[in-house]
Amino acid sequence: METLDLKPWWHFGHAWLVISGPLIVVIASFITLYIAISRPDPVIDDYYRKGMEINKTLNAQRDAMAPAIQARNNAATGIKPIEYKPAEQ
């Protein structure tokens, strides 16, 4: 006749192996939650206005080069350039 091993479940190593994976994930999620709550992300101040200012400076640089580009094209082709009209802002 066989004898049954009547030890509690926590005495078996395989049970701890199965439990340890999800337990580590739960602990890591609580650590991540703590970090997210204790150190909030900084708010970017008025990013839209700053982006519009950057676009204006880029347009100004392009508009400043337009007469030089027209003169260079005229010298290379011999065709009179079309009158330059700056971009509207």
C-alpha atoms as a PDB file:
ATOM      1  CA  MET A   1       0.000   0.000   0.000  1.00  0.00           C
ATOM      2  CA  GLU A   2       1.251   3.500  -0.872  1.00  0.00           C
ATOM      3  CA  THR A   3       1.704   6.190   1.717  1.00  0.00           C
ATOM      4  CA  LEU A   4       0.428   9.651   0.910  1.00  0.00           C
ATOM      5  CA  ASP A   5       2.646  12.662   1.527  1.00  0.00           C
ATOM      6  CA  LEU A   6       0.388  14.972   3.555  1.00  0.00           C
ATOM      7  CA  LYS A   7       2.660  18.016   3.808  1.00  0.00           C
ATOM      8  CA  PRO A   8       1.148  21.516   3.380  1.00  0.00           C
ATOM      9  CA  TRP A   9       1.482  23.184  -0.027  1.00  0.00           C
ATOM     10  CA  TRP A  10       4.156  25.653   1.078  1.00  0.00           C
ATOM     11  CA  HIS A  11       6.609  22.814   1.700  1.00  0.00           C
ATOM     12  CA  PHE A  12       6.799  22.068  -2.039  1.00  0.00           C
ATOM     13  CA  GLY A  13       9.337  24.035  -4.095  1.00  0.00           C
ATOM     14  CA  HIS A  14       7.316  23.842  -7.305  1.00  0.00           C
ATOM     15  CA  ALA A  15       4.468  25.806  -5.732  1.00  0.00           C
ATOM     16  CA  TRP A  16       6.842  28.657  -4.884  1.00  0.00           C
ATOM     17  CA  LEU A  17       8.277  28.548  -8.399  1.00  0.00           C
ATOM     18  CA  VAL A  18       4.788  28.985  -9.885  1.00  0.00           C
ATOM     19  CA  ILE A  19       3.830  31.757  -7.446  1.00  0.00           C
ATOM     20  CA  SER A  20       7.097  33.728  -7.657  1.00  0.00           C
ATOM     21  CA  GLY A  21       6.652  34.993 -11.270  1.00  0.00           C
ATOM     22  CA  PRO A  22       3.292  36.727 -10.828  1.00  0.00           C
ATOM     23  CA  LEU A  23       4.287  37.904  -7.343  1.00  0.00           C
ATOM     24  CA  ILE A  24       7.373  39.679  -8.733  1.00  0.00           C
ATOM     25  CA  VAL A  25       5.209  41.376 -11.383  1.00  0.00           C
ATOM     26  CA  VAL A  26       2.718  42.607  -8.759  1.00  0.00           C
ATOM     27  CA  ILE A  27       5.513  43.982  -6.553  1.00  0.00           C
ATOM     28  CA  ALA A  28       7.129  45.721  -9.558  1.00  0.00           C
ATOM     29  CA  SER A  29       3.797  47.297 -10.514  1.00  0.00           C
ATOM     30  CA  PHE A  30       3.387  48.767  -7.027  1.00  0.00           C
ATOM     31  CA  ILE A  31       6.932  50.161  -7.180  1.00  0.00           C
ATOM     32  CA  THR A  32       6.153  51.698 -10.586  1.00  0.00           C
ATOM     33  CA  LEU A  33       2.919  53.170  -9.231  1.00  0.00           C
ATOM     34  CA  TYR A  34       4.801  54.727  -6.303  1.00  0.00           C
ATOM     35  CA  ILE A  35       7.395  56.278  -8.627  1.00  0.00           C
ATOM     36  CA  ALA A  36       4.677  57.631 -10.949  1.00  0.00           C
ATOM     37  CA  ILE A  37       2.749  59.226  -8.092  1.00  0.00           C
ATOM     38  CA  SER A  38       5.717  60.632  -6.162  1.00  0.00           C
ATOM     39  CA  ARG A  39       7.521  62.164  -9.193  1.00  0.00           C
ATOM     40  CA  PRO A  40       4.977  63.700 -11.601  1.00  0.00           C
ATOM     41  CA  ASP A  41       5.994  64.704 -15.109  1.00  0.00           C
ATOM     42  CA  PRO A  42       6.838  68.394 -15.583  1.00  0.00           C
ATOM     43  CA  VAL A  43       4.355  70.425 -17.581  1.00  0.00           C
ATOM     44  CA  ILE A  44       5.702  72.136 -20.688  1.00  0.00           C
ATOM     45  CA  ASP A  45       4.813  75.818 -20.542  1.00  0.00           C
ATOM     46  CA  ASP A  46       3.076  77.248 -23.604  1.00  0.00           C
ATOM     47  CA  TYR A  47       4.596  74.867 -26.148  1.00  0.00           C
ATOM     48  CA  TYR A  48       2.284  76.073 -28.938  1.00  0.00           C
ATOM     49  CA  ARG A  49       3.461  79.696 -28.713  1.00  0.00           C
ATOM     50  CA  LYS A  50       7.111  78.621 -28.684  1.00  0.00           C
ATOM     51  CA  GLY A  51       6.528  76.461 -31.763  1.00  0.00           C
ATOM     52  CA  MET A  52       4.934  79.385 -33.598  1.00  0.00           C
ATOM     53  CA  GLU A  53       7.946  81.582 -32.757  1.00  0.00           C
ATOM     54  CA  ILE A  54      10.305  78.933 -34.133  1.00  0.00           C
ATOM     55  CA  ASN A  55       8.281  78.801 -37.361  1.00  0.00           C
ATOM     56  CA  LYS A  56       8.461  82.593 -37.709  1.00  0.00           C
ATOM     57  CA  THR A  57      12.267  82.588 -37.367  1.00  0.00           C
ATOM     58  CA  LEU A  58      12.547  79.789 -39.933  1.00  0.00           C
ATOM     59  CA  ASN A  59      10.309  81.709 -42.355  1.00  0.00           C
ATOM     60  CA  ALA A  60      12.347  84.874 -41.795  1.00  0.00           C
ATOM     61  CA  GLN A  61      15.562  83.046 -42.647  1.00  0.00           C
ATOM     62  CA  ARG A  62      14.014  81.633 -45.831  1.00  0.00           C
ATOM     63  CA  ASP A  63      12.618  85.061 -46.816  1.00  0.00           C
ATOM     64  CA  ALA A  64      16.002  86.717 -46.238  1.00  0.00           C
ATOM     65  CA  MET A  65      17.665  84.329 -48.696  1.00  0.00           C
ATOM     66  CA  ALA A  66      15.083  84.797 -51.467  1.00  0.00           C
ATOM     67  CA  PRO A  67      16.756  87.773 -53.255  1.00  0.00           C
ATOM     68  CA  ALA A  68      20.093  85.953 -53.307  1.00  0.00           C
ATOM     69  CA  ILE A  69      18.493  82.834 -54.703  1.00  0.00           C
ATOM     70  CA  GLN A  70      16.721  84.843 -57.406  1.00  0.00           C
ATOM     71  CA  ALA A  71      19.958  86.615 -58.388  1.00  0.00           C
ATOM     72  CA  ARG A  72      21.826  83.333 -58.577  1.00  0.00           C
ATOM     73  CA  ASN A  73      19.114  81.776 -60.750  1.00  0.00           C
ATOM     74  CA  ASN A  74      19.084  84.858 -63.015  1.00  0.00           C
ATOM     75  CA  ALA A  75      22.855  84.706 -63.493  1.00  0.00           C
ATOM     76  CA  ALA A  76      22.761  80.993 -64.330  1.00  0.00           C
ATOM     77  CA  THR A  77      19.783  81.046 -66.721  1.00  0.00           C
ATOM     78  CA  GLY A  78      19.747  84.606 -68.058  1.00  0.00           C
ATOM     79  CA  ILE A  79      15.992  84.807 -67.434  1.00  0.00           C
ATOM     80  CA  LYS A  80      14.571  87.772 -65.553  1.00  0.00           C
ATOM     81  CA  PRO A  81      13.280  86.527 -62.171  1.00  0.00           C
ATOM     82  CA  ILE A  82       9.668  86.907 -61.099  1.00  0.00           C
ATOM     83  CA  GLU A  83       9.091  89.633 -58.535  1.00  0.00           C
ATOM     84  CA  TYR A  84       9.529  88.247 -55.047  1.00  0.00           C
ATOM     85  CA  LYS A  85       6.590  88.443 -52.611  1.00  0.00           C
ATOM     86  CA  PRO A  86       7.378  87.582 -48.986  1.00  0.00           C
ATOM     87  CA  ALA A  87       5.272  84.939 -47.260  1.00  0.00           C
ATOM     88  CA  GLU A  88       2.307  86.178 -45.265  1.00  0.00           C
ATOM     89  CA  GLN A  89       2.470  85.652 -41.527  1.00  0.00           C
END
